[in-house]
C-alpha atoms as a PDB file:
ATOM      1  CA  MET A   1      89.478  -3.385 -23.244  1.00  0.00           C
ATOM      2  CA  THR A   2      87.650  -0.238 -21.883  1.00  0.00           C
ATOM      3  CA  ASP A   3      84.533  -1.049 -23.671  1.00  0.00           C
ATOM      4  CA  LEU A   4      84.074  -4.391 -22.110  1.00  0.00           C
ATOM      5  CA  VAL A   5      80.589  -4.868 -20.699  1.00  0.00           C
ATOM      6  CA  LEU A   6      80.456  -6.649 -17.336  1.00  0.00           C
ATOM      7  CA  GLY A   7      77.185  -7.708 -15.916  1.00  0.00           C
ATOM      8  CA  LEU A   8      75.337  -9.795 -13.607  1.00  0.00           C
ATOM      9  CA  ASP A   9      72.495 -12.470 -14.319  1.00  0.00           C
ATOM     10  CA  THR A  10      69.874 -14.314 -12.045  1.00  0.00           C
ATOM     11  CA  PHE A  11      66.854 -16.329 -12.564  1.00  0.00           C
ATOM     12  CA  GLY A  12      65.385 -15.046  -9.370  1.00  0.00           C
ATOM     13  CA  ASP A  13      66.639 -18.074  -7.368  1.00  0.00           C
ATOM     14  CA  VAL A  14      64.650 -18.065  -3.970  1.00  0.00           C
ATOM     15  CA  PRO A  15      67.304 -17.538  -1.074  1.00  0.00           C
ATOM     16  CA  GLN A  16      67.347 -17.984   2.514  1.00  0.00           C
ATOM     17  CA  ASP A  17      67.207 -15.195   5.176  1.00  0.00           C
ATOM     18  CA  ASP A  18      70.087 -15.166   7.562  1.00  0.00           C
ATOM     19  CA  ALA A  19      68.265 -17.503   9.798  1.00  0.00           C
ATOM     20  CA  GLY A  20      68.407 -20.347   7.177  1.00  0.00           C
ATOM     21  CA  GLU A  21      64.745 -20.175   6.446  1.00  0.00           C
ATOM     22  CA  PRO A  22      63.582 -19.804   2.674  1.00  0.00           C
ATOM     23  CA  ILE A  23      61.825 -16.578   1.753  1.00  0.00           C
ATOM     24  CA  THR A  24      58.675 -16.445  -0.211  1.00  0.00           C
ATOM     25  CA  GLN A  25      58.960 -16.141  -4.064  1.00  0.00           C
ATOM     26  CA  ALA A  26      57.307 -12.580  -3.777  1.00  0.00           C
ATOM     27  CA  ALA A  27      60.061 -11.560  -1.412  1.00  0.00           C
ATOM     28  CA  ALA A  28      62.647 -13.040  -3.812  1.00  0.00           C
ATOM     29  CA  ILE A  29      61.367 -10.840  -6.505  1.00  0.00           C
ATOM     30  CA  ARG A  30      61.725  -7.654  -4.263  1.00  0.00           C
ATOM     31  CA  GLN A  31      65.336  -8.987  -3.306  1.00  0.00           C
ATOM     32  CA  VAL A  32      66.171  -9.022  -6.999  1.00  0.00           C
ATOM     33  CA  VAL A  33      65.178  -5.433  -7.314  1.00  0.00           C
ATOM     34  CA  GLU A  34      67.303  -4.651  -4.502  1.00  0.00           C
ATOM     35  CA  GLU A  35      70.218  -6.226  -5.810  1.00  0.00           C
ATOM     36  CA  ALA A  36      69.783  -4.599  -9.155  1.00  0.00           C
ATOM     37  CA  VAL A  37      69.445  -1.158  -7.452  1.00  0.00           C
ATOM     38  CA  LEU A  38      72.992  -1.839  -5.649  1.00  0.00           C
ATOM     39  CA  ALA A  39      74.435  -3.067  -8.866  1.00  0.00           C
ATOM     40  CA  ASP A  40      73.499   0.257 -10.646  1.00  0.00           C
ATOM     41  CA  GLU A  41      74.739   2.302  -7.777  1.00  0.00           C
ATOM     42  CA  LEU A  42      78.095   0.466  -8.255  1.00  0.00           C
ATOM     43  CA  GLY A  43      78.541   0.851 -11.862  1.00  0.00           C
ATOM     44  CA  VAL A  44      77.562  -2.686 -13.018  1.00  0.00           C
ATOM     45  CA  ASP A  45      76.852  -2.399 -16.827  1.00  0.00           C
ATOM     46  CA  VAL A  46      73.880  -4.630 -16.933  1.00  0.00           C
ATOM     47  CA  ILE A  47      71.559  -6.707 -14.990  1.00  0.00           C
ATOM     48  CA  ALA A  48      69.959  -9.751 -17.004  1.00  0.00           C
ATOM     49  CA  LEU A  49      67.014 -11.891 -15.655  1.00  0.00           C
ATOM     50  CA  GLY A  50      66.082 -15.241 -16.660  1.00  0.00           C
ATOM     51  CA  GLU A  51      62.689 -16.470 -17.418  1.00  0.00           C
ATOM     52  CA  HIS A  52      61.556 -19.782 -15.687  1.00  0.00           C
ATOM     53  CA  HIS A  53      58.425 -21.380 -14.490  1.00  0.00           C
ATOM     54  CA  ARG A  54      59.907 -23.711 -11.756  1.00  0.00           C
ATOM     55  CA  PRO A  55      59.172 -23.625  -7.816  1.00  0.00           C
ATOM     56  CA  GLU A  56      63.105 -22.840  -7.208  1.00  0.00           C
ATOM     57  CA  TYR A  57      63.055 -19.727  -9.275  1.00  0.00           C
ATOM     58  CA  SER A  58      60.861 -16.339  -8.864  1.00  0.00           C
ATOM     59  CA  ILE A  59      60.941 -14.720 -12.118  1.00  0.00           C
ATOM     60  CA  SER A  60      58.515 -15.836 -14.768  1.00  0.00           C
ATOM     61  CA  THR A  61      58.155 -12.613 -16.531  1.00  0.00           C
ATOM     62  CA  PRO A  62      61.584 -10.768 -16.720  1.00  0.00           C
ATOM     63  CA  GLU A  63      60.195  -7.419 -18.274  1.00  0.00           C
ATOM     64  CA  THR A  64      57.929  -6.960 -15.180  1.00  0.00           C
ATOM     65  CA  VAL A  65      60.639  -7.104 -12.773  1.00  0.00           C
ATOM     66  CA  LEU A  66      62.856  -5.018 -15.149  1.00  0.00           C
ATOM     67  CA  ALA A  67      60.171  -2.208 -15.451  1.00  0.00           C
ATOM     68  CA  GLY A  68      60.116  -2.124 -11.448  1.00  0.00           C
ATOM     69  CA  ILE A  69      64.084  -2.012 -11.535  1.00  0.00           C
ATOM     70  CA  ALA A  70      63.815   0.821 -14.189  1.00  0.00           C
ATOM     71  CA  ALA A  71      61.867   3.003 -11.985  1.00  0.00           C
ATOM     72  CA  ARG A  72      64.610   2.872  -9.419  1.00  0.00           C
ATOM     73  CA  THR A  73      67.790   3.073 -11.263  1.00  0.00           C
ATOM     74  CA  SER A  74      69.354   5.471 -13.701  1.00  0.00           C
ATOM     75  CA  ARG A  75      72.037   3.874 -15.730  1.00  0.00           C
ATOM     76  CA  ILE A  76      72.354  -0.019 -15.480  1.00  0.00           C
ATOM     77  CA  ARG A  77      70.983  -1.871 -18.794  1.00  0.00           C
ATOM     78  CA  LEU A  78      67.989  -3.969 -18.198  1.00  0.00           C
ATOM     79  CA  ALA A  79      68.209  -7.500 -19.949  1.00  0.00           C
ATOM     80  CA  SER A  80      66.094 -10.702 -20.082  1.00  0.00           C
ATOM     81  CA  GLY A  81      68.635 -13.708 -19.702  1.00  0.00           C
ATOM     82  CA  VAL A  82      66.672 -15.444 -21.728  1.00  0.00           C
ATOM     83  CA  THR A  83      63.199 -14.466 -22.914  1.00  0.00           C
ATOM     84  CA  VAL A  84      61.801 -18.125 -24.139  1.00  0.00           C
ATOM     85  CA  LEU A  85      60.488 -16.799 -27.539  1.00  0.00           C
ATOM     86  CA  SER A  86      59.407 -20.433 -28.441  1.00  0.00           C
ATOM     87  CA  SER A  87      56.535 -20.431 -26.044  1.00  0.00           C
ATOM     88  CA  ASP A  88      55.673 -16.708 -26.289  1.00  0.00           C
ATOM     89  CA  ASP A  89      54.260 -14.224 -29.047  1.00  0.00           C
ATOM     90  CA  PRO A  90      56.977 -12.262 -30.641  1.00  0.00           C
ATOM     91  CA  VAL A  91      54.540  -9.135 -31.056  1.00  0.00           C
ATOM     92  CA  ARG A  92      53.818  -9.133 -27.482  1.00  0.00           C
ATOM     93  CA  VAL A  93      57.409  -9.690 -26.449  1.00  0.00           C
ATOM     94  CA  PHE A  94      58.364  -6.742 -28.585  1.00  0.00           C
ATOM     95  CA  GLN A  95      55.520  -4.587 -27.102  1.00  0.00           C
ATOM     96  CA  ARG A  96      56.550  -5.440 -23.474  1.00  0.00           C
ATOM     97  CA  PHE A  97      60.198  -4.807 -23.977  1.00  0.00           C
ATOM     98  CA  ALA A  98      59.681  -1.606 -25.908  1.00  0.00           C
ATOM     99  CA  THR A  99      57.447  -0.507 -23.108  1.00  0.00           C
ATOM    100  CA  VAL A 100      60.395  -1.288 -20.639  1.00  0.00           C
ATOM    101  CA  ASP A 101      62.568   0.578 -22.983  1.00  0.00           C
ATOM    102  CA  ALA A 102      60.521   3.788 -22.881  1.00  0.00           C
ATOM    103  CA  ILE A 103      60.075   3.481 -18.823  1.00  0.00           C
ATOM    104  CA  SER A 104      63.779   3.280 -18.648  1.00  0.00           C
ATOM    105  CA  ASN A 105      64.999   6.096 -21.132  1.00  0.00           C
ATOM    106  CA  GLY A 106      66.406   3.438 -23.740  1.00  0.00           C
ATOM    107  CA  ARG A 107      67.844   0.825 -21.314  1.00  0.00           C
ATOM    108  CA  ALA A 108      66.006  -2.324 -22.167  1.00  0.00           C
ATOM    109  CA  GLN A 109      67.675  -5.359 -23.859  1.00  0.00           C
ATOM    110  CA  VAL A 110      65.890  -8.454 -24.898  1.00  0.00           C
ATOM    111  CA  ILE A 111      67.920 -11.919 -25.108  1.00  0.00           C
ATOM    112  CA  LEU A 112      65.933 -14.351 -26.975  1.00  0.00           C
ATOM    113  CA  GLY A 113      66.237 -18.006 -26.690  1.00  0.00           C
ATOM    114  CA  ARG A 114      64.827 -21.625 -26.612  1.00  0.00           C
ATOM    115  CA  GLY A 115      65.259 -21.797 -22.670  1.00  0.00           C
ATOM    116  CA  SER A 116      67.004 -24.609 -20.858  1.00  0.00           C
ATOM    117  CA  PHE A 117      63.928 -25.719 -19.303  1.00  0.00           C
ATOM    118  CA  THR A 118      60.792 -27.068 -21.062  1.00  0.00           C
ATOM    119  CA  GLU A 119      57.915 -26.269 -18.419  1.00  0.00           C
ATOM    120  CA  SER A 120      56.708 -23.109 -20.587  1.00  0.00           C
ATOM    121  CA  PHE A 121      55.705 -25.463 -23.635  1.00  0.00           C
ATOM    122  CA  PRO A 122      52.765 -27.448 -21.987  1.00  0.00           C
ATOM    123  CA  LEU A 123      51.958 -24.389 -19.667  1.00  0.00           C
ATOM    124  CA  PHE A 124      51.098 -22.161 -22.843  1.00  0.00           C
ATOM    125  CA  GLY A 125      49.833 -24.804 -24.870  1.00  0.00           C
ATOM    126  CA  TYR A 126      52.782 -25.604 -27.268  1.00  0.00           C
ATOM    127  CA  ASP A 127      53.963 -29.074 -28.484  1.00  0.00           C
ATOM    128  CA  LEU A 128      57.440 -30.009 -27.983  1.00  0.00           C
ATOM    129  CA  ASP A 129      57.516 -31.928 -31.256  1.00  0.00           C
ATOM    130  CA  ASP A 130      57.523 -28.232 -32.745  1.00  0.00           C
ATOM    131  CA  TYR A 131      60.531 -27.169 -30.736  1.00  0.00           C
ATOM    132  CA  ASP A 132      62.781 -26.300 -33.706  1.00  0.00           C
ATOM    133  CA  THR A 133      59.863 -24.806 -35.721  1.00  0.00           C
ATOM    134  CA  LEU A 134      58.646 -22.399 -33.176  1.00  0.00           C
ATOM    135  CA  PHE A 135      61.782 -21.058 -32.403  1.00  0.00           C
ATOM    136  CA  GLU A 136      62.894 -20.695 -35.954  1.00  0.00           C
ATOM    137  CA  GLU A 137      59.614 -19.039 -37.027  1.00  0.00           C
ATOM    138  CA  LYS A 138      59.210 -16.628 -34.113  1.00  0.00           C
ATOM    139  CA  VAL A 139      62.939 -15.264 -34.358  1.00  0.00           C
ATOM    140  CA  GLU A 140      62.126 -14.525 -38.020  1.00  0.00           C
ATOM    141  CA  LEU A 141      59.103 -12.589 -36.911  1.00  0.00           C
ATOM    142  CA  PHE A 142      60.853 -10.851 -34.256  1.00  0.00           C
ATOM    143  CA  ALA A 143      63.712  -9.895 -36.480  1.00  0.00           C
ATOM    144  CA  ALA A 144      61.172  -8.338 -38.952  1.00  0.00           C
ATOM    145  CA  LEU A 145      59.539  -6.517 -36.137  1.00  0.00           C
ATOM    146  CA  LEU A 146      62.741  -4.735 -35.106  1.00  0.00           C
ATOM    147  CA  ASP A 147      62.726  -2.479 -38.130  1.00  0.00           C
ATOM    148  CA  GLU A 148      59.369  -0.882 -36.437  1.00  0.00           C
ATOM    149  CA  LYS A 149      57.784  -0.672 -39.691  1.00  0.00           C
ATOM    150  CA  PRO A 150      54.386  -2.573 -41.032  1.00  0.00           C
ATOM    151  CA  VAL A 151      55.160  -6.210 -40.986  1.00  0.00           C
ATOM    152  CA  THR A 152      53.901  -8.825 -43.512  1.00  0.00           C
ATOM    153  CA  TRP A 153      54.542 -12.527 -42.377  1.00  0.00           C
ATOM    154  CA  GLU A 154      52.999 -15.953 -42.363  1.00  0.00           C
ATOM    155  CA  GLY A 155      54.089 -19.236 -40.717  1.00  0.00           C
ATOM    156  CA  THR A 156      52.502 -22.125 -39.040  1.00  0.00           C
ATOM    157  CA  THR A 157      52.959 -21.077 -35.505  1.00  0.00           C
ATOM    158  CA  ARG A 158      50.655 -17.955 -35.237  1.00  0.00           C
ATOM    159  CA  ALA A 159      48.149 -15.990 -37.210  1.00  0.00           C
ATOM    160  CA  ALA A 160      49.726 -14.194 -40.328  1.00  0.00           C
ATOM    161  CA  LEU A 161      50.156 -10.640 -40.392  1.00  0.00           C
ATOM    162  CA  HIS A 162      49.497  -8.294 -43.213  1.00  0.00           C
ATOM    163  CA  GLU A 163      51.100  -4.798 -42.904  1.00  0.00           C
ATOM    164  CA  ALA A 164      50.537  -4.925 -39.166  1.00  0.00           C
ATOM    165  CA  ASP A 165      51.987  -2.011 -37.435  1.00  0.00           C
ATOM    166  CA  VAL A 166      53.134  -2.725 -33.799  1.00  0.00           C
ATOM    167  CA  PHE A 167      53.157  -0.186 -30.906  1.00  0.00           C
ATOM    168  CA  PRO A 168      54.869   1.361 -28.933  1.00  0.00           C
ATOM    169  CA  LYS A 169      57.605   2.297 -31.027  1.00  0.00           C
ATOM    170  CA  THR A 170      61.198   2.668 -29.513  1.00  0.00           C
ATOM    171  CA  GLU A 171      62.690   6.226 -29.270  1.00  0.00           C
ATOM    172  CA  SER A 172      66.027   4.838 -30.699  1.00  0.00           C
ATOM    173  CA  GLY A 173      64.033   3.274 -33.579  1.00  0.00           C
ATOM    174  CA  ARG A 174      65.381  -0.309 -32.673  1.00  0.00           C
ATOM    175  CA  LEU A 175      65.227  -2.434 -29.687  1.00  0.00           C
ATOM    176  CA  ASP A 176      68.474  -3.832 -28.495  1.00  0.00           C
ATOM    177  CA  THR A 177      67.951  -7.557 -29.131  1.00  0.00           C
ATOM    178  CA  TRP A 178      70.272 -10.547 -28.656  1.00  0.00           C
ATOM    179  CA  VAL A 179      70.142 -14.192 -29.145  1.00  0.00           C
ATOM    180  CA  GLY A 180      71.277 -16.549 -26.340  1.00  0.00           C
ATOM    181  CA  VAL A 181      72.953 -20.022 -27.568  1.00  0.00           C
ATOM    182  CA  GLY A 182      73.929 -22.849 -25.747  1.00  0.00           C
ATOM    183  CA  GLY A 183      76.178 -24.496 -28.010  1.00  0.00           C
ATOM    184  CA  SER A 184      74.502 -25.459 -31.346  1.00  0.00           C
ATOM    185  CA  PRO A 185      76.155 -24.444 -34.643  1.00  0.00           C
ATOM    186  CA  GLN A 186      72.813 -23.995 -36.354  1.00  0.00           C
ATOM    187  CA  SER A 187      71.736 -21.386 -33.748  1.00  0.00           C
ATOM    188  CA  VAL A 188      75.082 -19.589 -34.156  1.00  0.00           C
ATOM    189  CA  VAL A 189      74.492 -19.256 -37.838  1.00  0.00           C
ATOM    190  CA  ARG A 190      71.007 -18.272 -37.524  1.00  0.00           C
ATOM    191  CA  THR A 191      71.800 -15.533 -35.175  1.00  0.00           C
ATOM    192  CA  ALA A 192      74.540 -14.318 -37.757  1.00  0.00           C
ATOM    193  CA  ARG A 193      71.774 -14.593 -40.371  1.00  0.00           C
ATOM    194  CA  TYR A 194      69.598 -11.863 -38.629  1.00  0.00           C
ATOM    195  CA  GLY A 195      72.638  -9.733 -37.946  1.00  0.00           C
ATOM    196  CA  LEU A 196      71.818 -10.146 -34.128  1.00  0.00           C
ATOM    197  CA  PRO A 197      74.550 -10.083 -31.229  1.00  0.00           C
ATOM    198  CA  LEU A 198      75.192 -13.488 -29.859  1.00  0.00           C
ATOM    199  CA  MET A 199      75.559 -14.514 -26.123  1.00  0.00           C
ATOM    200  CA  LEU A 200      77.014 -17.804 -25.482  1.00  0.00           C
ATOM    201  CA  ALA A 201      75.764 -19.797 -22.423  1.00  0.00           C
ATOM    202  CA  ILE A 202      78.761 -21.428 -20.794  1.00  0.00           C
ATOM    203  CA  ILE A 203      78.002 -23.480 -17.713  1.00  0.00           C
ATOM    204  CA  GLY A 204      80.551 -26.328 -17.704  1.00  0.00           C
ATOM    205  CA  GLY A 205      84.060 -27.169 -18.981  1.00  0.00           C
ATOM    206  CA  GLN A 206      86.476 -24.722 -20.124  1.00  0.00           C
ATOM    207  CA  ALA A 207      85.429 -21.467 -21.643  1.00  0.00           C
ATOM    208  CA  GLU A 208      87.963 -21.741 -24.563  1.00  0.00           C
ATOM    209  CA  ARG A 209      86.214 -24.760 -25.986  1.00  0.00           C
ATOM    210  CA  PHE A 210      83.469 -22.113 -27.385  1.00  0.00           C
ATOM    211  CA  ALA A 211      86.120 -20.557 -29.456  1.00  0.00           C
ATOM    212  CA  PRO A 212      84.965 -22.106 -32.668  1.00  0.00           C
ATOM    213  CA  TYR A 213      81.444 -20.893 -32.046  1.00  0.00           C
ATOM    214  CA  VAL A 214      82.763 -17.353 -31.754  1.00  0.00           C
ATOM    215  CA  ASP A 215      84.879 -17.712 -35.116  1.00  0.00           C
ATOM    216  CA  LEU A 216      81.608 -19.456 -36.660  1.00  0.00           C
ATOM    217  CA  TYR A 217      79.705 -16.440 -35.760  1.00  0.00           C
ATOM    218  CA  ARG A 218      82.156 -14.071 -37.308  1.00  0.00           C
ATOM    219  CA  ARG A 219      82.763 -15.993 -40.325  1.00  0.00           C
ATOM    220  CA  ALA A 220      78.908 -16.537 -41.125  1.00  0.00           C
ATOM    221  CA  ALA A 221      78.314 -12.895 -40.522  1.00  0.00           C
ATOM    222  CA  GLU A 222      80.853 -11.917 -43.324  1.00  0.00           C
ATOM    223  CA  GLN A 223      79.604 -14.718 -45.601  1.00  0.00           C
ATOM    224  CA  LEU A 224      75.947 -13.383 -45.216  1.00  0.00           C
ATOM    225  CA  GLY A 225      76.867  -9.877 -45.203  1.00  0.00           C
ATOM    226  CA  THR A 226      75.511  -8.977 -41.890  1.00  0.00           C
ATOM    227  CA  VAL A 227      77.104  -7.349 -38.881  1.00  0.00           C
ATOM    228  CA  ALA A 228      79.359  -9.393 -36.455  1.00  0.00           C
ATOM    229  CA  HIS A 229      78.640  -7.654 -33.142  1.00  0.00           C
ATOM    230  CA  PRO A 230      81.009  -8.222 -30.069  1.00  0.00           C
ATOM    231  CA  VAL A 231      80.019 -11.585 -28.695  1.00  0.00           C
ATOM    232  CA  GLY A 232      79.054 -12.004 -25.095  1.00  0.00           C
ATOM    233  CA  MET A 233      79.276 -14.812 -22.756  1.00  0.00           C
ATOM    234  CA  HIS A 234      77.594 -15.717 -19.249  1.00  0.00           C
ATOM    235  CA  SER A 235      78.605 -18.459 -16.750  1.00  0.00           C
ATOM    236  CA  PRO A 236      77.907 -19.194 -12.920  1.00  0.00           C
ATOM    237  CA  GLY A 237      79.811 -17.981  -9.994  1.00  0.00           C
ATOM    238  CA  PHE A 238      79.834 -16.237  -6.669  1.00  0.00           C
ATOM    239  CA  VAL A 239      82.237 -13.496  -5.036  1.00  0.00           C
ATOM    240  CA  ALA A 240      83.034 -13.628  -1.379  1.00  0.00           C
ATOM    241  CA  ASP A 241      85.832 -12.103   0.598  1.00  0.00           C
ATOM    242  CA  THR A 242      88.070 -15.246   0.182  1.00  0.00           C
ATOM    243  CA  ASP A 243      88.080 -18.265  -2.018  1.00  0.00           C
ATOM    244  CA  GLU A 244      86.992 -20.497   0.879  1.00  0.00           C
ATOM    245  CA  GLN A 245      84.075 -18.539   1.913  1.00  0.00           C
ATOM    246  CA  ALA A 246      82.876 -18.188  -1.664  1.00  0.00           C
ATOM    247  CA  LYS A 247      83.210 -22.093  -2.199  1.00  0.00           C
ATOM    248  CA  GLU A 248      81.333 -22.740   1.187  1.00  0.00           C
ATOM    249  CA  LEU A 249      78.451 -20.296   0.463  1.00  0.00           C
ATOM    250  CA  TRP A 250      78.070 -21.684  -3.003  1.00  0.00           C
ATOM    251  CA  PHE A 251      78.465 -25.354  -2.900  1.00  0.00           C
ATOM    252  CA  PRO A 252      75.769 -26.722  -0.696  1.00  0.00           C
ATOM    253  CA  HIS A 253      72.974 -24.891  -2.707  1.00  0.00           C
ATOM    254  CA  TYR A 254      74.594 -25.395  -6.189  1.00  0.00           C
ATOM    255  CA  LYS A 255      74.870 -29.166  -5.537  1.00  0.00           C
ATOM    256  CA  VAL A 256      71.003 -29.115  -4.415  1.00  0.00           C
ATOM    257  CA  GLN A 257      70.145 -27.280  -7.613  1.00  0.00           C
ATOM    258  CA  MET A 258      72.347 -29.403 -10.048  1.00  0.00           C
ATOM    259  CA  ASP A 259      71.261 -32.671  -8.410  1.00  0.00           C
ATOM    260  CA  ARG A 260      67.527 -31.602  -8.708  1.00  0.00           C
ATOM    261  CA  ILE A 261      68.212 -31.020 -12.485  1.00  0.00           C
ATOM    262  CA  GLY A 262      70.308 -33.935 -13.063  1.00  0.00           C
ATOM    263  CA  ALA A 263      67.700 -36.308 -11.529  1.00  0.00           C
ATOM    264  CA  LEU A 264      65.457 -34.887 -14.502  1.00  0.00           C
ATOM    265  CA  ARG A 265      68.285 -35.157 -17.329  1.00  0.00           C
ATOM    266  CA  GLY A 266      70.127 -38.349 -16.128  1.00  0.00           C
ATOM    267  CA  TRP A 267      73.230 -36.690 -14.608  1.00  0.00           C
ATOM    268  CA  PRO A 268      74.983 -38.239 -11.771  1.00  0.00           C
ATOM    269  CA  PRO A 269      75.063 -36.294  -8.558  1.00  0.00           C
ATOM    270  CA  LEU A 270      77.523 -33.319  -8.313  1.00  0.00           C
ATOM    271  CA  THR A 271      80.622 -34.323  -6.105  1.00  0.00           C
ATOM    272  CA  ARG A 272      82.968 -31.748  -4.338  1.00  0.00           C
ATOM    273  CA  ALA A 273      85.711 -33.060  -6.524  1.00  0.00           C
ATOM    274  CA  ASN A 274      83.801 -32.257  -9.685  1.00  0.00           C
ATOM    275  CA  PHE A 275      82.875 -28.830  -8.281  1.00  0.00           C
ATOM    276  CA  GLU A 276      86.496 -27.936  -7.473  1.00  0.00           C
ATOM    277  CA  HIS A 277      87.640 -28.932 -11.035  1.00  0.00           C
ATOM    278  CA  GLU A 278      84.970 -26.569 -12.470  1.00  0.00           C
ATOM    279  CA  VAL A 279      86.286 -23.754  -9.982  1.00  0.00           C
ATOM    280  CA  ALA A 280      89.765 -24.292 -10.964  1.00  0.00           C
ATOM    281  CA  ASP A 281      89.600 -25.105 -14.752  1.00  0.00           C
ATOM    282  CA  GLY A 282      86.143 -25.079 -15.743  1.00  0.00           C
ATOM    283  CA  SER A 283      83.383 -22.482 -16.201  1.00  0.00           C
ATOM    284  CA  LEU A 284      82.438 -21.721 -12.305  1.00  0.00           C
ATOM    285  CA  TYR A 285      83.677 -18.266 -11.222  1.00  0.00           C
ATOM    286  CA  VAL A 286      83.770 -18.890  -7.646  1.00  0.00           C
ATOM    287  CA  GLY A 287      86.120 -17.138  -5.353  1.00  0.00           C
ATOM    288  CA  SER A 288      87.522 -13.869  -3.925  1.00  0.00           C
ATOM    289  CA  PRO A 289      87.366 -10.676  -6.005  1.00  0.00           C
ATOM    290  CA  GLU A 290      90.921 -11.208  -7.297  1.00  0.00           C
ATOM    291  CA  THR A 291      90.448 -14.919  -8.219  1.00  0.00           C
ATOM    292  CA  VAL A 292      87.073 -14.270  -9.959  1.00  0.00           C
ATOM    293  CA  ALA A 293      88.367 -11.079 -11.808  1.00  0.00           C
ATOM    294  CA  ARG A 294      91.576 -13.063 -12.968  1.00  0.00           C
ATOM    295  CA  LYS A 295      89.497 -15.888 -14.359  1.00  0.00           C
ATOM    296  CA  ILE A 296      87.133 -13.606 -16.201  1.00  0.00           C
ATOM    297  CA  ALA A 297      89.814 -11.637 -17.736  1.00  0.00           C
ATOM    298  CA  LYS A 298      91.303 -15.082 -18.684  1.00  0.00           C
ATOM    299  CA  SER A 299      88.280 -15.969 -20.533  1.00  0.00           C
ATOM    300  CA  VAL A 300      87.553 -12.755 -22.016  1.00  0.00           C
ATOM    301  CA  ARG A 301      90.953 -12.808 -23.697  1.00  0.00           C
ATOM    302  CA  GLY A 302      90.867 -16.386 -24.616  1.00  0.00           C
ATOM    303  CA  LEU A 303      87.520 -16.110 -26.384  1.00  0.00           C
ATOM    304  CA  ASP A 304      87.960 -12.527 -27.616  1.00  0.00           C
ATOM    305  CA  VAL A 305      84.390 -11.468 -26.332  1.00  0.00           C
ATOM    306  CA  GLY A 306      83.254  -8.031 -25.527  1.00  0.00           C
ATOM    307  CA  ARG A 307      80.682  -8.840 -22.648  1.00  0.00           C
ATOM    308  CA  PHE A 308      80.913 -11.239 -19.533  1.00  0.00           C
ATOM    309  CA  ASP A 309      77.708 -11.689 -17.299  1.00  0.00           C
ATOM    310  CA  LEU A 310      78.179 -13.518 -14.009  1.00  0.00           C
ATOM    311  CA  ILE A 311      75.184 -15.845 -12.983  1.00  0.00           C
ATOM    312  CA  TYR A 312      75.523 -14.865  -9.304  1.00  0.00           C
ATOM    313  CA  THR A 313      72.723 -16.806  -7.931  1.00  0.00           C
ATOM    314  CA  ALA A 314      72.102 -20.603  -7.819  1.00  0.00           C
ATOM    315  CA  GLY A 315      70.013 -22.084  -5.192  1.00  0.00           C
ATOM    316  CA  ALA A 316      69.335 -20.610  -1.653  1.00  0.00           C
ATOM    317  CA  GLN A 317      72.369 -18.782  -0.700  1.00  0.00           C
ATOM    318  CA  PRO A 318      71.612 -16.316   2.003  1.00  0.00           C
ATOM    319  CA  VAL A 319      70.142 -12.851   1.131  1.00  0.00           C
ATOM    320  CA  SER A 320      73.065 -11.076   2.995  1.00  0.00           C
ATOM    321  CA  ALA A 321      75.686 -13.155   1.237  1.00  0.00           C
ATOM    322  CA  ARG A 322      74.038 -12.306  -2.231  1.00  0.00           C
ATOM    323  CA  MET A 323      74.133  -8.568  -1.611  1.00  0.00           C
ATOM    324  CA  HIS A 324      77.641  -8.734  -0.580  1.00  0.00           C
ATOM    325  CA  ALA A 325      78.396 -10.733  -3.696  1.00  0.00           C
ATOM    326  CA  VAL A 326      76.864  -7.734  -5.889  1.00  0.00           C
ATOM    327  CA  GLU A 327      78.834  -5.357  -3.900  1.00  0.00           C
ATOM    328  CA  LEU A 328      82.162  -7.062  -4.316  1.00  0.00           C
ATOM    329  CA  PHE A 329      81.464  -7.822  -8.030  1.00  0.00           C
ATOM    330  CA  GLY A 330      80.651  -4.083  -8.691  1.00  0.00           C
ATOM    331  CA  SER A 331      83.379  -2.442  -6.464  1.00  0.00           C
ATOM    332  CA  LYS A 332      86.205  -4.669  -6.778  1.00  0.00           C
ATOM    333  CA  VAL A 333      85.921  -7.369  -9.530  1.00  0.00           C
ATOM    334  CA  ILE A 334      84.864  -5.063 -12.278  1.00  0.00           C
ATOM    335  CA  PRO A 335      87.797  -2.391 -11.836  1.00  0.00           C
ATOM    336  CA  MET A 336      90.008  -5.717 -11.502  1.00  0.00           C
ATOM    337  CA  VAL A 337      89.243  -6.933 -14.639  1.00  0.00           C
ATOM    338  CA  ARG A 338      89.556  -3.800 -16.448  1.00  0.00           C
ATOM    339  CA  ASP A 339      92.864  -3.082 -14.997  1.00  0.00           C
ATOM    340  CA  ILE A 340      94.067  -6.485 -15.997  1.00  0.00           C
ATOM    341  CA  LEU A 341      92.812  -6.364 -19.453  1.00  0.00           C
ATOM    342  CA  ASN A 342      94.434  -2.774 -19.944  1.00  0.00           C
ATOM    343  CA  SER A 343      97.775  -3.539 -18.632  1.00  0.00           C
END
């Protein structure tokens, strides 16, 4: 699978310096830029930045950071992962990413989603009771904008448009747009209905359990007469020189993060045993380059996907460890995955 896309995802988690002290959110944003520059140099296919509005994450406007990365890179694709379309305006999202596309000579990619957190809804004045309607209407409008022709549209979540022309246009004539899905069959079918590529967020359990969603996407596209693009997936993980080093660098910070989220969502605290199980048999890709590469290749084959993104940050891993993880992913994991899949 020489055309397999292999990328990195981050939410701009605020890391520690090598003395164990947290850095500022501003420094965390600059750190993501440095990691993206290194990934570009090493041949990583894509860097995806997620939108969050929480203190442990530094990136609230992925496209702004992507524009900064665009100015310092030459080949890596620049994606959001995801843009929370429900609490944003589709026209403005299109304009911002079309601008990044211009700056980067056509490397911009937007992945639209509902988001795994809800802080953006009250922050920008949206009612969570409208959760489903907001996304359904806004993705409909965004899909219409992708034709880059005057749009007439009417809904309940924003002002109607009549023959509205939106600028800037992209040089290719179409902004690269995906939809991120966490496991809802309705969302999979919606993505197929608009003929957009599907990105599966697989953050727990065996990756193969998502095979029915891949099949559903392809069957829905066939029945609806749209294009079934190669499916992507992203999952958390971390690469270090050895399996033990990777686990020790990852687990303490990952536990803090998961326990913080779990307290809000009613999950029990993460145990070391649960962590080890997810590393061995679930959707945590933590270990040496060989361990991570073999697991990625297994998931890619098992789900028959065309893209795998590693969410390489989870909590306050030290800056130097993060840079080394990016280096190992680009220089060792990617070549190993391609060798395994081509053998």
